[in-house]
Amino acid sequence: VLKVLIDKAEPVVLSKKGEEMLKEALEDVKKGKVKKFKNVEELIDDLHK
């Protein structure tokens, strides 16, 4: 069994605005307001629409 050691990352501290944006994004995910793409090219094409 292959094992990999990863250094522990420092906790991320968000601004008030960052916390609000993260909360909104997580609520959208819970509501299913997400899109799935087969590859990064499809994602980029959708962003340009």
N, C-alpha and C. Protein backbone atom coordinates (compact mmCIF):
# COMPACT_ATOMS: atom_id res chain seq x y z
N VAL A 1 0.85 -1.18 0.00
CA VAL A 1 0.00 0.00 0.00
C VAL A 1 0.89 1.23 0.00
N LEU A 2 0.69 2.08 -0.98
CA LEU A 2 1.47 3.31 -1.11
C LEU A 2 0.92 4.36 -0.14
N LYS A 3 1.81 5.00 0.59
CA LYS A 3 1.40 6.07 1.51
C LYS A 3 2.21 7.32 1.19
N VAL A 4 1.58 8.47 1.35
CA VAL A 4 2.23 9.74 1.07
C VAL A 4 2.09 10.63 2.29
N LEU A 5 3.17 11.25 2.70
CA LEU A 5 3.12 12.21 3.80
C LEU A 5 2.96 13.61 3.23
N ILE A 6 2.05 14.37 3.81
CA ILE A 6 1.79 15.73 3.35
C ILE A 6 1.93 16.66 4.55
N ASP A 7 2.68 17.74 4.37
CA ASP A 7 2.82 18.72 5.45
C ASP A 7 1.46 19.31 5.79
N LYS A 8 1.24 19.55 7.08
CA LYS A 8 0.00 20.15 7.53
C LYS A 8 -0.02 21.61 7.09
N ALA A 9 -1.11 22.01 6.43
CA ALA A 9 -1.24 23.39 5.94
C ALA A 9 -1.75 24.29 7.06
N GLU A 10 -1.36 25.53 6.97
CA GLU A 10 -1.87 26.53 7.91
C GLU A 10 -3.35 26.76 7.66
N PRO A 11 -4.12 27.03 8.70
CA PRO A 11 -5.55 27.31 8.48
C PRO A 11 -5.73 28.60 7.67
N VAL A 12 -6.76 28.62 6.88
CA VAL A 12 -7.05 29.78 6.04
C VAL A 12 -7.95 30.73 6.82
N VAL A 13 -7.59 32.00 6.82
CA VAL A 13 -8.41 33.02 7.48
C VAL A 13 -9.03 33.88 6.39
N LEU A 14 -10.36 33.89 6.34
CA LEU A 14 -11.07 34.65 5.32
C LEU A 14 -11.53 35.98 5.88
N SER A 15 -11.63 36.96 5.00
CA SER A 15 -12.22 38.24 5.38
C SER A 15 -13.72 38.03 5.56
N LYS A 16 -14.39 39.02 6.10
CA LYS A 16 -15.85 38.94 6.26
C LYS A 16 -16.51 38.69 4.90
N LYS A 17 -16.07 39.42 3.87
CA LYS A 17 -16.61 39.25 2.52
C LYS A 17 -16.31 37.85 2.01
N GLY A 18 -15.11 37.34 2.26
CA GLY A 18 -14.74 36.00 1.83
C GLY A 18 -15.61 34.94 2.49
N GLU A 19 -15.90 35.12 3.78
CA GLU A 19 -16.78 34.19 4.50
C GLU A 19 -18.17 34.19 3.90
N GLU A 20 -18.68 35.38 3.57
CA GLU A 20 -20.01 35.50 2.96
C GLU A 20 -20.05 34.81 1.60
N MET A 21 -19.01 35.01 0.80
CA MET A 21 -18.95 34.40 -0.53
C MET A 21 -18.88 32.88 -0.43
N LEU A 22 -18.09 32.37 0.52
CA LEU A 22 -17.98 30.93 0.71
C LEU A 22 -19.32 30.34 1.15
N LYS A 23 -19.99 31.01 2.07
CA LYS A 23 -21.29 30.54 2.55
C LYS A 23 -22.29 30.48 1.39
N GLU A 24 -22.31 31.51 0.55
CA GLU A 24 -23.21 31.55 -0.60
C GLU A 24 -22.89 30.42 -1.58
N ALA A 25 -21.61 30.19 -1.82
CA ALA A 25 -21.21 29.13 -2.75
C ALA A 25 -21.62 27.76 -2.22
N LEU A 26 -21.42 27.51 -0.94
CA LEU A 26 -21.79 26.22 -0.35
C LEU A 26 -23.31 26.01 -0.38
N GLU A 27 -24.07 27.09 -0.17
CA GLU A 27 -25.53 26.99 -0.26
C GLU A 27 -25.95 26.64 -1.69
N ASP A 28 -25.30 27.24 -2.68
CA ASP A 28 -25.60 26.92 -4.08
C ASP A 28 -25.33 25.45 -4.37
N VAL A 29 -24.23 24.92 -3.85
CA VAL A 29 -23.91 23.50 -4.06
C VAL A 29 -24.98 22.62 -3.43
N LYS A 30 -25.40 22.95 -2.21
CA LYS A 30 -26.44 22.17 -1.54
C LYS A 30 -27.75 22.18 -2.32
N LYS A 31 -28.04 23.30 -3.00
CA LYS A 31 -29.28 23.44 -3.78
C LYS A 31 -29.15 22.81 -5.16
N GLY A 32 -27.96 22.32 -5.50
CA GLY A 32 -27.75 21.72 -6.81
C GLY A 32 -27.51 22.72 -7.92
N LYS A 33 -27.21 23.95 -7.55
CA LYS A 33 -26.97 25.00 -8.54
C LYS A 33 -25.51 24.94 -9.00
N VAL A 34 -25.15 23.81 -9.60
CA VAL A 34 -23.80 23.59 -10.10
C VAL A 34 -23.86 23.03 -11.51
N LYS A 35 -22.75 23.10 -12.21
CA LYS A 35 -22.65 22.53 -13.55
C LYS A 35 -21.50 21.54 -13.56
N LYS A 36 -21.65 20.49 -14.36
CA LYS A 36 -20.58 19.51 -14.52
C LYS A 36 -20.05 19.59 -15.95
N PHE A 37 -18.75 19.45 -16.08
CA PHE A 37 -18.11 19.53 -17.38
C PHE A 37 -17.25 18.29 -17.60
N LYS A 38 -17.16 17.85 -18.85
CA LYS A 38 -16.35 16.68 -19.20
C LYS A 38 -14.87 16.99 -19.15
N ASN A 39 -14.53 18.26 -19.41
CA ASN A 39 -13.12 18.65 -19.43
C ASN A 39 -13.01 20.16 -19.22
N VAL A 40 -11.80 20.62 -19.07
CA VAL A 40 -11.58 22.04 -18.78
C VAL A 40 -11.97 22.93 -19.96
N GLU A 41 -11.85 22.41 -21.18
CA GLU A 41 -12.23 23.21 -22.35
C GLU A 41 -13.71 23.56 -22.32
N GLU A 42 -14.56 22.59 -21.93
CA GLU A 42 -16.00 22.87 -21.83
C GLU A 42 -16.27 23.91 -20.75
N LEU A 43 -15.55 23.84 -19.65
CA LEU A 43 -15.69 24.83 -18.58
C LEU A 43 -15.35 26.22 -19.10
N ILE A 44 -14.23 26.34 -19.79
CA ILE A 44 -13.80 27.64 -20.31
C ILE A 44 -14.80 28.18 -21.33
N ASP A 45 -15.30 27.31 -22.21
CA ASP A 45 -16.31 27.74 -23.18
C ASP A 45 -17.54 28.28 -22.47
N ASP A 46 -17.97 27.61 -21.39
CA ASP A 46 -19.14 28.06 -20.64
C ASP A 46 -18.88 29.40 -19.96
N LEU A 47 -17.68 29.61 -19.48
CA LEU A 47 -17.34 30.88 -18.83
C LEU A 47 -17.39 32.04 -19.81
N HIS A 48 -17.11 31.78 -21.08
CA HIS A 48 -17.10 32.83 -22.09
C HIS A 48 -18.49 33.13 -22.64
N LYS A 49 -19.50 32.39 -22.22
CA LYS A 49 -20.87 32.63 -22.70
C LYS A 49 -21.49 33.79 -21.95
